[in-house]
Amino acid sequence: MQGDGLRRAMRSGSVAAACGVLLVSLAACGGPKGDGQRLEHGGPGSRGGSASVPGAEPGSRGGSASAPAAGPTRIPGIGDWLYGQIPTDSRQVVAVYGDGEDSPNSTIVLYAKYGSVWSEAGRWRGHNGRKGWTTDHHEDDMRSPVGVFTLSDAGGVLADPGTRLPYSQSEAYEVPRSWGEAHRRDFYYVIAVDYNRVPGTPPNDPTRPEGQTKGGGIWMHLDHGDGTLACVSLPEEGITHLLRTLDPAQDPVVVMGDREALMS
């Protein structure tokens, strides 16, 4: 699963993907099935601080304030090639473990590094692209891109919930009414995945350095219960926990793909 498209994305440092400007921004993550618009994005936040996370897998720590248990010196399920793409200074990694190459279902795990040890700091079930994963993402393929991408910007319909990431609040993140009630909260909060985007700009900035056909506007956002157009979605407690935990000083990244590809 080490396709040329993935290698090019890694070498170029490109890190954005399928969520664009609204409606382009709103096109990689969510819309109703069969909707011709491209979009991928979010939802409102919880107060955090609970010892367990509704919607998370058993044993997740979500917003727990207690110190995480000791973990491995290597993030589980990530092979040598992709692990080598994680910046040396990164001390926060969001790992998205897709159930399968063609599956829309995934598990999202936050890892934090203490000394030389990676410890789990949150776990949730969520979704990725409706058709699964690809190492050569293109616009409208309904697959999420496999790779390691920085996480540098956030935003959404709602006010900043207390993140250290640069945050842009705007009604422009509202989804079209035609998407229906199930998608109303998709982009209440979003975190931009730096695939084919310019880091340091709002998540809905339309600039795509590698060109329109390579897709863009890929976000992490609130889950609506099924696959996206390319984004990663997770429960409300998960997205707000990430927003309140990710710290630019820790060089956070996301490592995402189906489990087989992640072992590359």
Protein backbone atom coordinates (compact mmCIF):
# COMPACT_ATOMS: atom_id res chain seq x y z
CA MET A 1 0.00 0.00 0.00
CA GLN A 2 2.97 2.34 -0.52
CA GLY A 3 1.58 3.84 -3.74
CA ASP A 4 3.38 6.55 -5.69
CA GLY A 5 0.61 9.02 -4.80
CA LEU A 6 1.34 8.54 -1.10
CA ARG A 7 5.10 8.90 -1.57
CA ARG A 8 4.60 12.13 -3.55
CA ALA A 9 2.33 13.52 -0.84
CA MET A 10 4.86 12.64 1.85
CA ARG A 11 7.81 14.14 -0.05
CA SER A 12 5.94 17.37 -0.84
CA GLY A 13 4.89 17.84 2.78
CA SER A 14 1.36 18.36 1.56
CA VAL A 15 -1.13 17.79 4.36
CA ALA A 16 -4.82 18.52 3.63
CA ALA A 17 -7.54 16.43 1.83
CA ALA A 18 -11.24 16.43 1.09
CA CYS A 19 -13.06 19.22 2.94
CA GLY A 20 -12.32 22.48 0.93
CA VAL A 21 -14.10 25.89 1.18
CA LEU A 22 -17.76 25.55 1.77
CA LEU A 23 -19.36 23.99 -0.57
CA VAL A 24 -16.08 22.66 -1.80
CA SER A 25 -15.00 22.40 1.82
CA LEU A 26 -18.26 20.80 2.69
CA ALA A 27 -17.76 18.19 0.08
CA ALA A 28 -15.23 15.68 1.22
CA CYS A 29 -16.67 14.64 4.54
CA GLY A 30 -20.31 14.09 4.82
CA GLY A 31 -23.28 14.91 2.61
CA PRO A 32 -26.19 12.63 1.89
CA LYS A 33 -25.47 9.59 -0.22
CA GLY A 34 -25.76 10.39 -3.89
CA ASP A 35 -25.23 14.12 -3.23
CA GLY A 36 -23.14 15.56 -6.02
CA GLN A 37 -21.54 18.20 -3.79
CA ARG A 38 -18.06 17.60 -2.33
CA LEU A 39 -17.80 17.89 1.47
CA GLU A 40 -16.37 16.43 4.69
CA HIS A 41 -16.88 17.96 8.19
CA GLY A 42 -18.21 18.37 12.12
CA GLY A 43 -20.37 18.80 15.49
CA PRO A 44 -20.95 20.54 18.88
CA GLY A 45 -18.79 19.92 21.89
CA SER A 46 -19.13 18.31 25.27
CA ARG A 47 -17.85 19.76 28.53
CA GLY A 48 -15.15 17.06 28.71
CA GLY A 49 -13.45 15.86 31.86
CA SER A 50 -15.28 12.54 32.19
CA ALA A 51 -13.38 9.38 33.06
CA SER A 52 -15.05 7.50 30.25
CA VAL A 53 -16.15 8.66 26.82
CA PRO A 54 -19.65 7.88 25.51
CA GLY A 55 -19.26 6.43 22.07
CA ALA A 56 -15.70 5.35 22.83
CA GLU A 57 -14.46 1.80 22.94
CA PRO A 58 -14.27 0.13 26.37
CA GLY A 59 -11.29 1.34 28.35
CA SER A 60 -10.93 4.67 26.54
CA ARG A 61 -9.79 7.60 28.62
CA GLY A 62 -11.28 10.45 26.64
CA GLY A 63 -11.11 13.55 28.81
CA SER A 64 -9.73 11.87 31.92
CA ALA A 65 -7.43 14.13 33.94
CA SER A 66 -5.49 11.20 35.45
CA ALA A 67 -2.05 10.32 34.11
CA PRO A 68 -2.18 7.69 31.34
CA ALA A 69 -0.84 4.21 32.00
CA ALA A 70 2.60 3.34 30.69
CA GLY A 71 2.59 2.24 27.07
CA PRO A 72 4.94 0.98 24.36
CA THR A 73 7.94 2.76 22.92
CA ARG A 74 6.34 2.27 19.52
CA ILE A 75 2.78 3.11 18.44
CA PRO A 76 0.93 -0.19 17.91
CA GLY A 77 -0.15 -1.18 14.40
CA ILE A 78 2.11 1.27 12.53
CA GLY A 79 4.78 -0.27 10.29
CA ASP A 80 8.34 0.92 9.77
CA TRP A 81 7.75 2.96 6.63
CA LEU A 82 4.85 5.07 7.94
CA TYR A 83 6.30 5.26 11.44
CA GLY A 84 9.38 6.77 9.86
CA GLN A 85 7.22 9.59 8.43
CA ILE A 86 6.22 10.79 11.91
CA PRO A 87 8.31 13.90 12.70
CA THR A 88 10.97 13.25 15.33
CA ASP A 89 9.64 16.10 17.48
CA SER A 90 6.02 14.94 17.38
CA ARG A 91 4.69 14.00 20.81
CA GLN A 92 0.99 13.72 19.90
CA VAL A 93 -0.27 11.27 17.29
CA VAL A 94 -3.86 10.57 16.28
CA ALA A 95 -3.93 7.09 14.75
CA VAL A 96 -6.92 6.25 12.56
CA TYR A 97 -7.15 2.47 12.16
CA GLY A 98 -9.51 1.66 9.30
CA ASP A 99 -11.29 -1.69 9.59
CA GLY A 100 -10.45 -2.57 5.98
CA GLU A 101 -9.34 -1.17 2.63
CA ASP A 102 -12.95 -0.89 1.44
CA SER A 103 -14.61 -0.26 4.83
CA PRO A 104 -16.04 3.09 6.04
CA ASN A 105 -15.53 2.12 9.70
CA SER A 106 -12.52 2.95 11.82
CA THR A 107 -11.10 3.32 15.32
CA ILE A 108 -9.45 6.62 16.28
CA VAL A 109 -6.81 6.56 19.02
CA LEU A 110 -4.92 9.50 20.50
CA TYR A 111 -1.37 8.76 21.67
CA ALA A 112 0.84 11.07 23.73
CA LYS A 113 4.58 10.60 24.17
CA TYR A 114 6.11 10.82 27.65
CA GLY A 115 9.86 10.44 27.47
CA SER A 116 10.30 7.52 25.08
CA VAL A 117 6.92 5.94 25.82
CA TRP A 118 3.72 6.36 23.79
CA SER A 119 0.61 6.22 25.99
CA GLU A 120 -3.00 6.02 24.90
CA ALA A 121 -4.97 9.17 25.76
CA GLY A 122 -8.35 8.53 24.13
CA ARG A 123 -10.10 6.01 21.87
CA TRP A 124 -13.31 6.23 19.83
CA ARG A 125 -15.10 4.43 17.03
CA GLY A 126 -15.77 6.54 13.95
CA HIS A 127 -15.83 6.62 10.16
CA ASN A 128 -13.72 7.38 7.12
CA GLY A 129 -14.45 7.54 3.39
CA ARG A 130 -17.52 5.57 2.29
CA LYS A 131 -15.46 3.41 -0.07
CA GLY A 132 -12.54 3.00 2.32
CA TRP A 133 -8.92 4.04 1.79
CA THR A 134 -6.42 4.83 -0.97
CA THR A 135 -2.72 5.68 -1.34
CA ASP A 136 -3.57 7.84 -4.39
CA HIS A 137 -6.54 9.98 -3.38
CA HIS A 138 -8.43 11.94 -6.04
CA GLU A 139 -11.40 14.23 -5.76
CA ASP A 140 -14.75 12.42 -5.53
CA ASP A 141 -13.26 8.91 -5.13
CA MET A 142 -14.97 8.69 -1.70
CA ARG A 143 -11.82 7.18 -0.18
CA SER A 144 -9.70 8.69 2.58
CA PRO A 145 -5.97 9.17 1.88
CA VAL A 146 -3.48 6.86 3.58
CA GLY A 147 -0.55 8.66 5.15
CA VAL A 148 0.98 10.82 7.86
CA PHE A 149 -0.32 14.38 7.91
CA THR A 150 0.20 17.32 10.25
CA LEU A 151 -2.68 18.83 12.22
CA SER A 152 -2.24 22.60 12.28
CA ASP A 153 -5.62 24.38 12.11
CA ALA A 154 -9.18 24.10 13.42
CA GLY A 155 -12.50 25.88 13.13
CA GLY A 156 -16.24 25.41 12.93
CA VAL A 157 -19.68 26.86 13.39
CA LEU A 158 -19.35 27.04 17.18
CA ALA A 159 -16.99 29.14 19.26
CA ASP A 160 -13.51 27.92 20.15
CA PRO A 161 -13.97 25.22 22.85
CA GLY A 162 -10.53 25.90 24.31
CA THR A 163 -8.06 24.62 21.75
CA ARG A 164 -4.42 25.67 21.35
CA LEU A 165 -4.70 25.25 17.58
CA PRO A 166 -5.47 28.37 15.52
CA TYR A 167 -9.29 28.42 15.39
CA SER A 168 -11.63 30.11 12.91
CA GLN A 169 -15.31 30.39 13.83
CA SER A 170 -17.71 31.13 10.97
CA GLU A 171 -21.25 30.44 9.83
CA ALA A 172 -19.64 29.50 6.52
CA TYR A 173 -19.10 26.03 8.02
CA GLU A 174 -22.86 25.45 8.17
CA VAL A 175 -23.89 22.51 5.98
CA PRO A 176 -26.53 23.05 3.28
CA ARG A 177 -30.09 22.49 4.50
CA SER A 178 -30.53 19.95 1.72
CA TRP A 179 -28.22 17.58 3.56
CA GLY A 180 -30.88 16.97 6.18
CA GLU A 181 -30.99 16.94 9.97
CA ALA A 182 -28.53 14.03 10.34
CA HIS A 183 -25.74 16.24 9.00
CA ARG A 184 -26.69 19.51 10.68
CA ARG A 185 -23.90 19.35 13.27
CA ASP A 186 -21.17 17.82 11.07
CA PHE A 187 -18.98 20.92 11.03
CA TYR A 188 -19.75 22.48 14.37
CA TYR A 189 -16.09 21.67 15.13
CA VAL A 190 -13.45 20.61 12.60
CA ILE A 191 -9.72 19.91 12.56
CA ALA A 192 -8.01 20.25 9.19
CA VAL A 193 -5.92 17.31 7.99
CA ASP A 194 -2.99 18.83 6.12
CA TYR A 195 -3.43 16.94 2.88
CA ASN A 196 -3.20 19.14 -0.25
CA ARG A 197 -3.74 22.32 1.74
CA VAL A 198 -1.67 25.21 3.07
CA PRO A 199 -1.01 24.77 6.81
CA GLY A 200 -1.61 27.94 8.79
CA THR A 201 -4.84 28.82 6.97
CA PRO A 202 -8.46 28.21 8.09
CA PRO A 203 -9.70 24.67 7.39
CA ASN A 204 -12.06 25.95 4.68
CA ASP A 205 -9.32 27.74 2.71
CA PRO A 206 -9.75 26.48 -0.89
CA THR A 207 -6.07 26.50 -1.90
CA ARG A 208 -4.91 23.11 -3.17
CA PRO A 209 -1.15 23.14 -3.87
CA GLU A 210 -1.22 19.83 -5.77
CA GLY A 211 -4.23 20.82 -7.87
CA GLN A 212 -7.98 20.34 -7.69
CA THR A 213 -7.96 16.75 -8.95
CA LYS A 214 -5.95 15.58 -5.93
CA GLY A 215 -8.85 16.47 -3.66
CA GLY A 216 -8.70 18.55 -0.52
CA GLY A 217 -10.74 19.88 2.38
CA ILE A 218 -10.20 16.71 4.42
CA TRP A 219 -11.15 17.26 8.03
CA MET A 220 -11.74 15.47 11.28
CA HIS A 221 -15.28 16.33 12.34
CA LEU A 222 -18.38 15.18 14.20
CA ASP A 223 -19.67 11.73 13.26
CA HIS A 224 -23.09 11.40 11.63
CA GLY A 225 -23.29 7.61 11.81
CA ASP A 226 -21.90 6.48 8.45
CA GLY A 227 -19.04 6.95 5.98
CA THR A 228 -17.83 10.30 4.64
CA LEU A 229 -16.63 11.50 1.26
CA ALA A 230 -13.00 11.34 2.50
CA CYS A 231 -12.91 12.88 5.98
CA VAL A 232 -12.52 11.18 9.35
CA SER A 233 -15.45 11.52 11.75
CA LEU A 234 -15.71 10.70 15.44
CA PRO A 235 -18.13 11.23 18.34
CA GLU A 236 -18.73 14.63 19.88
CA GLU A 237 -16.70 13.72 22.94
CA GLY A 238 -13.82 12.68 20.71
CA ILE A 239 -13.56 15.79 18.54
CA THR A 240 -13.82 18.13 21.53
CA HIS A 241 -11.25 16.10 23.45
CA LEU A 242 -8.84 16.34 20.51
CA LEU A 243 -9.43 20.08 20.21
CA ARG A 244 -8.70 20.62 23.88
CA THR A 245 -5.67 18.33 23.90
CA LEU A 246 -3.78 18.87 20.64
CA ASP A 247 -0.98 21.39 21.11
CA PRO A 248 1.04 22.95 18.26
CA ALA A 249 4.07 22.87 20.58
CA GLN A 250 3.82 19.05 20.52
CA ASP A 251 3.83 18.88 16.68
CA PRO A 252 0.62 16.80 16.42
CA VAL A 253 0.07 14.57 13.40
CA VAL A 254 -2.49 12.05 12.21
CA VAL A 255 -1.45 8.62 10.90
CA MET A 256 -4.40 7.23 8.97
CA GLY A 257 -5.28 4.27 6.80
CA ASP A 258 -6.70 0.77 6.82
CA ARG A 259 -4.93 -1.59 9.21
CA GLU A 260 -3.07 -3.45 6.48
CA ALA A 261 -1.79 -0.23 4.87
CA LEU A 262 -0.73 1.15 8.25
CA MET A 263 1.58 -1.80 8.71
CA SER A 264 3.56 -0.84 5.59
